[in-house]
Amino acid sequence: MKEDKTKSAKQKTKAEKESDKQDEALARVLADYQNLVKRVDRERIEIYTRASKNIIEELIPVLDLLGRAQSQLQDPGLEMAIGQFRQVLGRHGVEAIETKEGMQFDANLHEAVETVEGGETGAIAQIAQAGYKWKDGMVLRPVKVTVYK
């Protein structure tokens, strides 16, 4: 009888150990699955972001072209279309980089296309082309400027 109890206790201990191993394996598989889901979500967001950025970078020159046409034509309909175009870009996180003549040149936001004599060294003399940034402050296109030397 004592022998049966010992055998039964050993079997119970063995069954408990096997159950613990299975629980650990299940926990590992579940953790692996959760990590996979997180990685796939990150990759999906990354792909969407890259695709959006590429499209937006192609649209910015179109906005420039429309702006140049408007400066020549002074057409109210074209002005309205440009405004709507800017609103759409704004809804997608695109905004113009605020730059004014006299501001200090910032290599993170500006691209110097020319230097001229006359003003405070490092100050912006003239804006040649607007620049744009996106959502998290990432520069899509720097502002092209003339800088005083």
C-alpha atoms as a PDB file:
ATOM      1  CA  MET A   1       0.000   0.000   0.000  1.00  0.00           C
ATOM      2  CA  LYS A   2       2.834   2.329   0.901  1.00  0.00           C
ATOM      3  CA  GLU A   3       4.451   1.389  -2.375  1.00  0.00           C
ATOM      4  CA  ASP A   4       1.261   2.361  -4.267  1.00  0.00           C
ATOM      5  CA  LYS A   5       1.209   5.770  -2.567  1.00  0.00           C
ATOM      6  CA  THR A   6       4.857   6.376  -3.472  1.00  0.00           C
ATOM      7  CA  LYS A   7       4.236   5.291  -7.056  1.00  0.00           C
ATOM      8  CA  SER A   8       1.126   7.472  -7.222  1.00  0.00           C
ATOM      9  CA  ALA A   9       3.035  10.482  -5.803  1.00  0.00           C
ATOM     10  CA  LYS A  10       5.838   9.995  -8.339  1.00  0.00           C
ATOM     11  CA  GLN A  11       3.315   9.804 -11.172  1.00  0.00           C
ATOM     12  CA  LYS A  12       1.592  12.949  -9.896  1.00  0.00           C
ATOM     13  CA  THR A  13       4.919  14.787  -9.684  1.00  0.00           C
ATOM     14  CA  LYS A  14       5.822  13.619 -13.187  1.00  0.00           C
ATOM     15  CA  ALA A  15       2.408  14.731 -14.509  1.00  0.00           C
ATOM     16  CA  GLU A  16       2.772  18.117 -12.795  1.00  0.00           C
ATOM     17  CA  LYS A  17       6.233  18.595 -14.330  1.00  0.00           C
ATOM     18  CA  GLU A  18       4.893  17.690 -17.771  1.00  0.00           C
ATOM     19  CA  SER A  19       1.983  20.088 -17.289  1.00  0.00           C
ATOM     20  CA  ASP A  20       4.400  22.861 -16.253  1.00  0.00           C
ATOM     21  CA  LYS A  21       6.508  22.205 -19.365  1.00  0.00           C
ATOM     22  CA  GLN A  22       3.420  22.436 -21.552  1.00  0.00           C
ATOM     23  CA  ASP A  23       2.334  25.649 -19.815  1.00  0.00           C
ATOM     24  CA  GLU A  24       5.781  27.165 -20.405  1.00  0.00           C
ATOM     25  CA  ALA A  25       5.751  26.093 -24.054  1.00  0.00           C
ATOM     26  CA  LEU A  26       2.287  27.576 -24.509  1.00  0.00           C
ATOM     27  CA  ALA A  27       3.396  30.829 -22.875  1.00  0.00           C
ATOM     28  CA  ARG A  28       6.412  31.007 -25.235  1.00  0.00           C
ATOM     29  CA  VAL A  29       4.235  30.357 -28.288  1.00  0.00           C
ATOM     30  CA  LEU A  30       1.759  33.015 -27.141  1.00  0.00           C
ATOM     31  CA  ALA A  31       4.568  35.539 -26.558  1.00  0.00           C
ATOM     32  CA  ASP A  32       6.027  34.752 -29.998  1.00  0.00           C
ATOM     33  CA  TYR A  33       2.611  35.287 -31.576  1.00  0.00           C
ATOM     34  CA  GLN A  34       2.114  38.616 -29.776  1.00  0.00           C
ATOM     35  CA  ASN A  35       5.579  39.768 -30.897  1.00  0.00           C
ATOM     36  CA  LEU A  36       4.743  38.763 -34.473  1.00  0.00           C
ATOM     37  CA  VAL A  37       1.496  40.766 -34.381  1.00  0.00           C
ATOM     38  CA  LYS A  38       3.360  43.827 -33.068  1.00  0.00           C
ATOM     39  CA  ARG A  39       6.080  43.498 -35.711  1.00  0.00           C
ATOM     40  CA  VAL A  40       3.535  43.142 -38.531  1.00  0.00           C
ATOM     41  CA  ASP A  41       1.683  46.240 -37.250  1.00  0.00           C
ATOM     42  CA  ARG A  42       4.937  48.246 -37.164  1.00  0.00           C
ATOM     43  CA  GLU A  43       5.866  47.090 -40.658  1.00  0.00           C
ATOM     44  CA  ARG A  44       2.411  47.947 -42.006  1.00  0.00           C
ATOM     45  CA  ILE A  45       2.642  51.468 -40.548  1.00  0.00           C
ATOM     46  CA  GLU A  46       6.165  51.832 -41.956  1.00  0.00           C
ATOM     47  CA  ILE A  47       5.034  50.808 -45.450  1.00  0.00           C
ATOM     48  CA  TYR A  48       2.050  53.177 -45.320  1.00  0.00           C
ATOM     49  CA  THR A  49       4.263  56.022 -44.104  1.00  0.00           C
ATOM     50  CA  ARG A  50       6.870  55.434 -46.809  1.00  0.00           C
ATOM     51  CA  ALA A  51       4.223  55.262 -49.552  1.00  0.00           C
ATOM     52  CA  SER A  52       2.486  58.408 -48.270  1.00  0.00           C
ATOM     53  CA  LYS A  53       5.782  60.284 -48.072  1.00  0.00           C
ATOM     54  CA  ASN A  54       6.694  59.329 -51.642  1.00  0.00           C
ATOM     55  CA  ILE A  55       3.335  60.503 -52.995  1.00  0.00           C
ATOM     56  CA  ILE A  56       3.460  63.759 -51.030  1.00  0.00           C
ATOM     57  CA  GLU A  57       6.997  64.479 -52.238  1.00  0.00           C
ATOM     58  CA  GLU A  58       5.723  64.151 -55.806  1.00  0.00           C
ATOM     59  CA  LEU A  59       2.767  66.477 -55.150  1.00  0.00           C
ATOM     60  CA  ILE A  60       4.793  69.361 -53.678  1.00  0.00           C
ATOM     61  CA  PRO A  61       6.317  70.394 -57.051  1.00  0.00           C
ATOM     62  CA  VAL A  62       2.790  70.396 -58.519  1.00  0.00           C
ATOM     63  CA  LEU A  63       1.754  72.849 -55.789  1.00  0.00           C
ATOM     64  CA  ASP A  64       4.762  75.022 -56.691  1.00  0.00           C
ATOM     65  CA  LEU A  65       3.782  74.963 -60.352  1.00  0.00           C
ATOM     66  CA  LEU A  66       0.202  75.962 -59.554  1.00  0.00           C
ATOM     67  CA  GLY A  67       1.506  78.794 -57.370  1.00  0.00           C
ATOM     68  CA  ARG A  68       3.702  80.114 -60.190  1.00  0.00           C
ATOM     69  CA  ALA A  69       0.774  79.921 -62.623  1.00  0.00           C
ATOM     70  CA  GLN A  70      -1.425  81.799 -60.146  1.00  0.00           C
ATOM     71  CA  SER A  71       1.166  84.557 -59.735  1.00  0.00           C
ATOM     72  CA  GLN A  72       0.902  85.141 -63.504  1.00  0.00           C
ATOM     73  CA  LEU A  73      -2.841  84.612 -64.011  1.00  0.00           C
ATOM     74  CA  GLN A  74      -4.361  85.943 -60.773  1.00  0.00           C
ATOM     75  CA  ASP A  75      -7.313  83.587 -61.293  1.00  0.00           C
ATOM     76  CA  PRO A  76      -9.787  83.269 -58.355  1.00  0.00           C
ATOM     77  CA  GLY A  77     -10.695  79.697 -59.359  1.00  0.00           C
ATOM     78  CA  LEU A  78      -7.065  78.650 -59.433  1.00  0.00           C
ATOM     79  CA  GLU A  79      -6.510  80.349 -56.067  1.00  0.00           C
ATOM     80  CA  MET A  80      -9.391  78.318 -54.621  1.00  0.00           C
ATOM     81  CA  ALA A  81      -7.950  75.082 -56.067  1.00  0.00           C
ATOM     82  CA  ILE A  82      -4.531  75.872 -54.581  1.00  0.00           C
ATOM     83  CA  GLY A  83      -6.147  76.526 -51.195  1.00  0.00           C
ATOM     84  CA  GLN A  84      -7.965  73.216 -51.349  1.00  0.00           C
ATOM     85  CA  PHE A  85      -4.753  71.453 -52.388  1.00  0.00           C
ATOM     86  CA  ARG A  86      -2.981  72.927 -49.336  1.00  0.00           C
ATOM     87  CA  GLN A  87      -5.849  71.844 -47.063  1.00  0.00           C
ATOM     88  CA  VAL A  88      -5.599  68.262 -48.325  1.00  0.00           C
ATOM     89  CA  LEU A  89      -1.842  68.232 -47.738  1.00  0.00           C
ATOM     90  CA  GLY A  90      -2.429  69.747 -44.288  1.00  0.00           C
ATOM     91  CA  ARG A  91      -4.886  66.997 -43.361  1.00  0.00           C
ATOM     92  CA  HIS A  92      -2.116  64.534 -44.165  1.00  0.00           C
ATOM     93  CA  GLY A  93       0.354  66.290 -41.874  1.00  0.00           C
ATOM     94  CA  VAL A  94       2.170  68.468 -44.417  1.00  0.00           C
ATOM     95  CA  GLU A  95       2.907  72.052 -43.466  1.00  0.00           C
ATOM     96  CA  ALA A  96       5.039  74.822 -44.885  1.00  0.00           C
ATOM     97  CA  ILE A  97       8.255  75.566 -43.009  1.00  0.00           C
ATOM     98  CA  GLU A  98       7.879  79.080 -41.616  1.00  0.00           C
ATOM     99  CA  THR A  99      10.805  81.154 -42.823  1.00  0.00           C
ATOM    100  CA  LYS A 100      11.184  84.919 -43.096  1.00  0.00           C
ATOM    101  CA  GLU A 101      13.900  87.151 -44.456  1.00  0.00           C
ATOM    102  CA  GLY A 102      16.250  88.142 -41.647  1.00  0.00           C
ATOM    103  CA  MET A 103      15.884  84.839 -39.769  1.00  0.00           C
ATOM    104  CA  GLN A 104      19.065  82.902 -39.078  1.00  0.00           C
ATOM    105  CA  PHE A 105      19.916  80.121 -41.494  1.00  0.00           C
ATOM    106  CA  ASP A 106      19.223  76.652 -40.039  1.00  0.00           C
ATOM    107  CA  ALA A 107      20.829  73.786 -41.974  1.00  0.00           C
ATOM    108  CA  ASN A 108      18.119  71.428 -40.690  1.00  0.00           C
ATOM    109  CA  LEU A 109      15.371  73.465 -42.386  1.00  0.00           C
ATOM    110  CA  HIS A 110      17.078  75.536 -45.070  1.00  0.00           C
ATOM    111  CA  GLU A 111      19.197  74.924 -48.131  1.00  0.00           C
ATOM    112  CA  ALA A 112      21.463  77.786 -49.181  1.00  0.00           C
ATOM    113  CA  VAL A 113      21.326  78.244 -52.944  1.00  0.00           C
ATOM    114  CA  GLU A 114      23.348  81.467 -52.989  1.00  0.00           C
ATOM    115  CA  THR A 115      25.296  83.787 -50.699  1.00  0.00           C
ATOM    116  CA  VAL A 116      25.311  87.577 -51.013  1.00  0.00           C
ATOM    117  CA  GLU A 117      27.026  90.524 -49.344  1.00  0.00           C
ATOM    118  CA  GLY A 118      25.237  93.082 -47.277  1.00  0.00           C
ATOM    119  CA  GLY A 119      23.394  91.877 -44.209  1.00  0.00           C
ATOM    120  CA  GLU A 120      24.079  90.063 -40.970  1.00  0.00           C
ATOM    121  CA  THR A 121      26.242  86.993 -41.562  1.00  0.00           C
ATOM    122  CA  GLY A 122      24.149  83.828 -41.589  1.00  0.00           C
ATOM    123  CA  ALA A 123      20.834  85.655 -41.942  1.00  0.00           C
ATOM    124  CA  ILE A 124      18.406  84.796 -44.718  1.00  0.00           C
ATOM    125  CA  ALA A 125      18.412  87.458 -47.436  1.00  0.00           C
ATOM    126  CA  GLN A 126      15.736  85.993 -49.683  1.00  0.00           C
ATOM    127  CA  ILE A 127      13.498  82.942 -49.991  1.00  0.00           C
ATOM    128  CA  ALA A 128      13.872  81.210 -53.356  1.00  0.00           C
ATOM    129  CA  GLN A 129      11.477  78.289 -52.816  1.00  0.00           C
ATOM    130  CA  ALA A 130       9.118  77.212 -50.047  1.00  0.00           C
ATOM    131  CA  GLY A 131       9.964  74.180 -47.956  1.00  0.00           C
ATOM    132  CA  TYR A 132       7.697  71.657 -46.283  1.00  0.00           C
ATOM    133  CA  LYS A 133       7.811  69.379 -43.266  1.00  0.00           C
ATOM    134  CA  TRP A 134       5.711  66.422 -42.321  1.00  0.00           C
ATOM    135  CA  LYS A 135       3.957  65.105 -39.216  1.00  0.00           C
ATOM    136  CA  ASP A 136       6.847  64.563 -36.811  1.00  0.00           C
ATOM    137  CA  GLY A 137       8.859  67.506 -38.115  1.00  0.00           C
ATOM    138  CA  MET A 138      10.622  65.467 -40.797  1.00  0.00           C
ATOM    139  CA  VAL A 139      11.678  67.824 -43.581  1.00  0.00           C
ATOM    140  CA  LEU A 140      10.183  66.793 -46.917  1.00  0.00           C
ATOM    141  CA  ARG A 141      11.906  69.601 -48.761  1.00  0.00           C
ATOM    142  CA  PRO A 142      14.071  72.314 -47.192  1.00  0.00           C
ATOM    143  CA  VAL A 143      13.360  75.987 -47.816  1.00  0.00           C
ATOM    144  CA  LYS A 144      15.752  77.181 -50.533  1.00  0.00           C
ATOM    145  CA  VAL A 145      17.247  80.500 -49.474  1.00  0.00           C
ATOM    146  CA  THR A 146      19.853  83.122 -50.261  1.00  0.00           C
ATOM    147  CA  VAL A 147      22.062  83.806 -47.236  1.00  0.00           C
ATOM    148  CA  TYR A 148      24.206  86.797 -46.268  1.00  0.00           C
ATOM    149  CA  LYS A 149      27.919  86.005 -45.968  1.00  0.00           C
END
